[in-house]
Protein backbone atom coordinates (compact mmCIF):
# COMPACT_ATOMS: atom_id res chain seq x y z
CA UNK A 1 61.46 216.29 76.71
CA UNK A 2 61.03 212.47 76.48
CA UNK A 3 58.97 209.92 77.81
CA UNK A 4 60.60 206.69 80.53
CA UNK A 5 61.31 204.30 77.90
CA UNK A 6 63.32 206.31 75.18
CA UNK A 7 66.40 207.77 76.47
CA UNK A 8 69.37 209.47 75.55
CA UNK A 9 71.55 208.32 78.10
CA UNK A 10 73.93 205.30 77.60
CA UNK A 11 74.08 202.33 79.53
CA UNK A 12 77.14 202.19 81.73
CA UNK A 13 77.56 198.88 83.54
CA UNK A 14 79.57 199.79 86.76
CA UNK A 15 81.98 196.79 87.43
CA UNK A 16 83.20 196.82 90.85
CA UNK A 17 86.77 196.40 92.54
CA UNK A 18 86.47 192.77 93.30
CA UNK A 19 84.27 191.83 90.30
CA UNK A 20 87.85 193.27 87.72
CA UNK A 21 89.92 190.91 89.64
CA UNK A 22 88.08 187.77 88.73
CA UNK A 23 87.64 189.01 85.19
CA UNK A 24 91.06 189.32 84.98
CA UNK A 25 91.97 185.87 86.69
CA UNK A 26 89.16 183.87 84.78
CA UNK A 27 90.65 185.23 81.66
CA UNK A 28 94.62 184.15 82.84
CA UNK A 29 92.27 180.10 83.59
CA UNK A 30 91.51 180.55 79.99
CA UNK A 31 94.89 181.20 78.79
CA UNK A 32 96.03 178.10 81.16
CA UNK A 33 92.93 175.90 80.09
CA UNK A 34 93.64 176.56 76.26
CA UNK A 35 97.15 175.79 77.43
CA UNK A 36 96.85 172.54 79.00
CA UNK A 37 94.40 171.48 76.15
CA UNK A 38 96.81 172.16 73.70
CA UNK A 39 99.24 170.03 75.34
CA UNK A 40 97.10 167.46 75.78
CA UNK A 41 96.08 167.25 72.28
CA UNK A 42 99.88 167.08 71.15
CA UNK A 43 100.35 163.97 73.54
CA UNK A 44 97.46 162.38 72.38
CA UNK A 45 98.63 162.89 68.73
CA UNK A 46 102.11 161.30 69.62
CA UNK A 47 100.50 158.31 71.43
CA UNK A 48 98.44 158.06 68.36
CA UNK A 49 100.97 158.65 66.32
CA UNK A 50 103.38 155.70 68.44
CA UNK A 51 99.80 153.52 68.13
CA UNK A 52 100.08 153.78 63.94
CA UNK A 53 103.69 152.75 63.95
CA UNK A 54 103.20 149.74 66.06
CA UNK A 55 100.14 148.82 64.37
CA UNK A 56 102.26 149.10 60.60
CA UNK A 57 104.97 146.78 62.42
CA UNK A 58 102.30 143.93 63.44
CA UNK A 59 100.61 144.46 60.15
CA UNK A 60 104.16 143.91 58.46
CA UNK A 61 105.15 141.18 60.78
CA UNK A 62 101.74 139.71 60.37
CA UNK A 63 101.72 139.64 56.80
CA UNK A 64 105.57 138.49 56.65
CA UNK A 65 104.22 135.17 59.10
CA UNK A 66 101.23 133.98 56.61
CA UNK A 67 103.77 134.50 53.78
CA UNK A 68 106.18 131.93 55.87
CA UNK A 69 103.46 129.75 56.72
CA UNK A 70 102.06 129.48 52.98
CA UNK A 71 105.67 128.78 52.12
CA UNK A 72 106.05 126.30 54.88
CA UNK A 73 102.58 124.21 54.12
CA UNK A 74 103.49 124.56 49.77
CA UNK A 75 106.91 123.43 50.74
CA UNK A 76 105.88 120.20 52.66
CA UNK A 77 103.22 119.59 50.23
CA UNK A 78 105.81 119.44 48.22
CA UNK A 79 107.95 117.31 49.81
CA UNK A 80 105.72 114.73 50.10
CA UNK A 81 104.52 114.15 46.49
CA UNK A 82 108.94 114.28 45.35
CA UNK A 83 108.76 111.02 48.52
CA UNK A 84 106.07 109.25 46.44
CA UNK A 85 107.01 110.08 43.09
CA UNK A 86 110.28 108.82 43.98
CA UNK A 87 108.36 105.45 45.56
CA UNK A 88 106.14 105.77 42.16
CA UNK A 89 109.46 106.24 40.05
CA UNK A 90 111.04 102.74 41.52
CA UNK A 91 108.50 101.02 40.47
CA UNK A 92 107.89 102.45 36.79
CA UNK A 93 111.78 101.12 36.79
CA UNK A 94 110.87 98.19 38.05
CA UNK A 95 108.60 97.65 34.99
CA UNK A 96 110.70 98.89 32.27
CA UNK A 97 113.50 96.75 33.26
CA UNK A 98 110.64 93.54 32.73
CA UNK A 99 110.05 94.55 29.84
CA UNK A 100 113.61 95.33 28.28
CA UNK A 101 114.48 91.74 29.95
CA UNK A 102 110.88 90.03 28.64
CA UNK A 103 111.87 91.84 24.73
CA UNK A 104 114.87 90.33 24.75
CA UNK A 105 114.09 87.22 25.48
CA UNK A 106 111.33 86.88 22.80
CA UNK A 107 108.13 87.06 24.64
CA UNK A 108 105.28 89.13 24.42
CA UNK A 109 105.10 92.77 26.54
CA UNK A 110 102.28 94.17 24.96
CA UNK A 111 100.50 93.68 28.34
CA UNK A 112 103.39 95.93 30.02
CA UNK A 113 103.60 98.25 27.57
CA UNK A 114 99.70 99.16 28.50
CA UNK A 115 101.08 99.75 31.74
CA UNK A 116 104.15 101.44 31.09
CA UNK A 117 102.14 103.49 27.98
CA UNK A 118 99.32 104.67 31.36
CA UNK A 119 102.26 105.52 33.59
CA UNK A 120 103.50 107.64 31.31
CA UNK A 121 99.93 109.34 30.04
CA UNK A 122 99.90 109.65 34.72
CA UNK A 123 103.47 111.41 34.66
CA UNK A 124 102.90 113.26 31.84
CA UNK A 125 99.24 114.29 33.19
CA UNK A 126 101.17 115.88 36.80
CA UNK A 127 103.93 117.62 35.33
CA UNK A 128 106.26 114.70 35.42
CA UNK A 129 108.85 114.72 32.84
CA UNK A 130 112.05 113.15 31.59
CA UNK A 131 115.63 114.55 32.04
CA UNK A 132 117.40 114.24 29.06
CA UNK A 133 120.99 113.25 29.08
CA UNK A 134 122.86 111.27 26.63
CA UNK A 135 124.76 113.78 23.88
CA UNK A 136 124.92 116.62 26.66
CA UNK A 137 127.74 118.01 28.77
CA UNK A 138 127.21 117.09 32.45
CA UNK A 139 125.49 119.04 35.18
CA UNK A 140 125.47 118.49 38.59
CA UNK A 141 122.29 119.89 39.41
CA UNK A 142 120.57 117.61 37.22
CA UNK A 143 122.58 115.03 36.53
CA UNK A 144 125.16 112.35 38.92
CA UNK A 145 128.26 110.58 37.89
CA UNK A 146 128.48 107.53 38.80
CA UNK A 147 131.91 106.64 35.91
CA UNK A 148 134.14 108.25 34.12
CA UNK A 149 134.86 107.05 30.04
CA UNK A 150 137.99 108.07 28.19
CA UNK A 151 137.33 109.04 24.77
CA UNK A 152 139.20 111.72 22.55
CA UNK A 153 136.35 112.24 20.18
CA UNK A 154 134.23 113.65 22.40
CA UNK A 155 134.88 117.03 24.73
CA UNK A 156 135.32 116.61 28.64
CA UNK A 157 132.07 115.99 30.16
CA UNK A 158 129.68 114.71 28.02
CA UNK A 159 127.12 112.33 28.62
CA UNK A 160 127.80 108.44 27.19
CA UNK A 161 125.43 107.12 29.07
CA UNK A 162 122.09 107.39 30.75
CA UNK A 163 122.34 103.99 33.61
CA UNK A 164 118.99 105.74 35.31
CA UNK A 165 116.97 108.28 33.72
CA UNK A 166 115.84 111.25 36.15
CA UNK A 167 113.04 113.66 36.14
CA UNK A 168 111.33 116.68 36.80
CA UNK A 169 108.41 117.87 37.89
CA UNK A 170 106.82 121.43 38.18
CA UNK A 171 110.66 122.59 38.08
CA UNK A 172 112.36 120.94 40.86
CA UNK A 173 114.39 118.15 40.34
CA UNK A 174 112.64 114.75 41.97
CA UNK A 175 115.82 112.32 40.65
CA UNK A 176 118.94 113.47 38.82
CA UNK A 177 120.14 111.34 36.23
CA UNK A 178 122.76 108.76 36.44
CA UNK A 179 125.19 108.81 34.08
CA UNK A 180 128.67 107.87 33.06
CA UNK A 181 130.55 110.93 31.12
CA UNK A 182 133.37 110.79 28.22
CA UNK A 183 136.90 112.62 29.71
CA UNK A 184 139.97 113.04 27.27
CA UNK A 185 142.45 111.50 27.45
CA UNK A 186 146.05 114.49 27.51
CA UNK A 187 148.70 111.92 25.91
């Protein structure tokens, strides 16, 4: 025989009828809890997806606003610079007219020539370039025609005279060139 600790018997737990019903209920309730958790997880995934979409839209709106603000700032600065340049060019034109009048009257223009040379250097330094128009075909984007002459030897819309010089700065027309253009006679 064997001692009391060693036994060939298999231990069997006997479950009462009530305990067995409790286990079945626990199993069913576990399935319900798992289903509820799965539903909650799906709902949270949906909320997360919606928040990500909102965030993407808000980020796109912010980037668009940032670009628009930058563009508005640049346009405002360019408008003020252009306004200043127009005022400067009026003074520059006055100096040129004064030099031309003095030259016609045989008066020394060295001082005015020096001032104009400095002004030319400044315009060049800041990227302001004159529009060359004489002999070119009229372009309404950079020229403004204020008179028309008949000339059978020239093509229509050929610029025959510059009345006032035009200027370009940073690929923007600061001031169009005032011109006289030709027109062929059809006689």
